[in-house]
């Protein structure tokens, strides 16, 4: 599982700072119909219901696709920290 997030400050109608809206993106391989996949997807839905101030975007990928994406991102991050 990979989780990334960002947020931006907004101003409410009354001129005061509104609570910061945060967007989280999660990549996962819980795309099947087995009990683990169903449970994990339900946990994501429960999180959304409990935290309406957070926009949760989940992207289900096949295992090979997820592994490829993780390797690519890890290599990119490694290159960024080396320069």
Protein backbone atom coordinates (compact mmCIF):
# COMPACT_ATOMS: atom_id res chain seq x y z
CA UNK A 1 0.00 0.00 0.00
CA UNK A 2 1.22 3.49 -0.87
CA UNK A 3 -0.28 6.62 0.55
CA UNK A 4 0.40 10.18 -0.60
CA UNK A 5 -1.30 13.39 0.35
CA UNK A 6 -1.46 17.13 -0.09
CA UNK A 7 -3.54 20.00 1.23
CA UNK A 8 -4.28 23.63 0.51
CA UNK A 9 -5.49 26.47 2.70
CA UNK A 10 -8.87 27.90 1.83
CA UNK A 11 -10.83 30.84 3.18
CA UNK A 12 -14.36 30.38 4.47
CA UNK A 13 -17.18 32.76 3.48
CA UNK A 14 -16.75 34.63 6.77
CA UNK A 15 -13.12 35.51 5.94
CA UNK A 16 -11.66 33.10 8.45
CA UNK A 17 -9.40 30.27 7.42
CA UNK A 18 -11.43 27.19 6.56
CA UNK A 19 -10.26 23.79 7.72
CA UNK A 20 -7.57 22.54 5.40
CA UNK A 21 -8.91 20.02 2.87
CA UNK A 22 -6.50 17.16 2.42
CA UNK A 23 -6.40 14.75 -0.50
CA UNK A 24 -4.91 11.32 0.03
CA UNK A 25 -4.21 8.86 -2.75
CA UNK A 26 -3.77 5.18 -2.04
CA UNK A 27 -2.56 2.57 -4.51
CA UNK A 28 -3.52 -0.98 -3.63
CA UNK A 29 -4.08 -4.43 -5.06
CA UNK A 30 -7.33 -5.22 -3.22
CA UNK A 31 -9.27 -5.61 -6.45
CA UNK A 32 -10.48 -9.18 -6.04
CA UNK A 33 -13.63 -10.53 -4.46
CA UNK A 34 -11.91 -12.41 -1.64
CA UNK A 35 -12.57 -11.61 2.01
CA UNK A 36 -9.35 -9.59 2.47
CA UNK A 37 -10.07 -7.37 -0.53
CA UNK A 38 -13.67 -6.79 0.53
CA UNK A 39 -12.58 -5.99 4.09
CA UNK A 40 -9.91 -3.53 2.96
CA UNK A 41 -12.33 -1.75 0.63
CA UNK A 42 -14.85 -1.51 3.49
CA UNK A 43 -12.14 0.03 5.69
CA UNK A 44 -11.56 2.67 3.01
CA UNK A 45 -15.29 3.43 2.90
CA UNK A 46 -15.44 3.61 6.70
CA UNK A 47 -12.50 6.05 6.65
CA UNK A 48 -14.29 8.24 4.09
CA UNK A 49 -17.44 8.31 6.24
CA UNK A 50 -15.51 9.15 9.41
CA UNK A 51 -13.33 11.83 7.77
CA UNK A 52 -15.36 13.94 5.31
CA UNK A 53 -12.66 16.63 5.48
CA UNK A 54 -10.28 14.24 3.71
CA UNK A 55 -10.70 13.34 0.08
CA UNK A 56 -9.54 9.74 -0.31
CA UNK A 57 -8.77 8.57 -3.81
CA UNK A 58 -8.06 4.88 -4.11
CA UNK A 59 -6.65 3.24 -7.18
CA UNK A 60 -6.85 -0.54 -7.42
CA UNK A 61 -4.12 -2.11 -9.52
CA UNK A 62 -3.26 -5.69 -10.37
CA UNK A 63 -0.31 -6.92 -8.29
CA UNK A 64 2.17 -6.74 -11.18
CA UNK A 65 1.04 -3.21 -12.03
CA UNK A 66 1.36 -2.11 -8.42
CA UNK A 67 4.85 -3.58 -8.11
CA UNK A 68 5.94 -1.84 -11.33
CA UNK A 69 4.57 1.50 -10.15
CA UNK A 70 6.23 1.16 -6.75
CA UNK A 71 9.60 0.38 -8.35
CA UNK A 72 9.27 3.34 -10.71
CA UNK A 73 8.36 5.77 -7.93
CA UNK A 74 11.08 4.42 -5.63
CA UNK A 75 13.68 4.87 -8.36
CA UNK A 76 12.45 8.40 -9.06
CA UNK A 77 12.61 9.30 -5.37
CA UNK A 78 16.10 7.83 -5.13
CA UNK A 79 17.20 10.00 -8.08
CA UNK A 80 15.70 13.11 -6.48
CA UNK A 81 17.56 12.55 -3.21
CA UNK A 82 20.87 11.89 -4.95
CA UNK A 83 21.08 15.20 -6.78
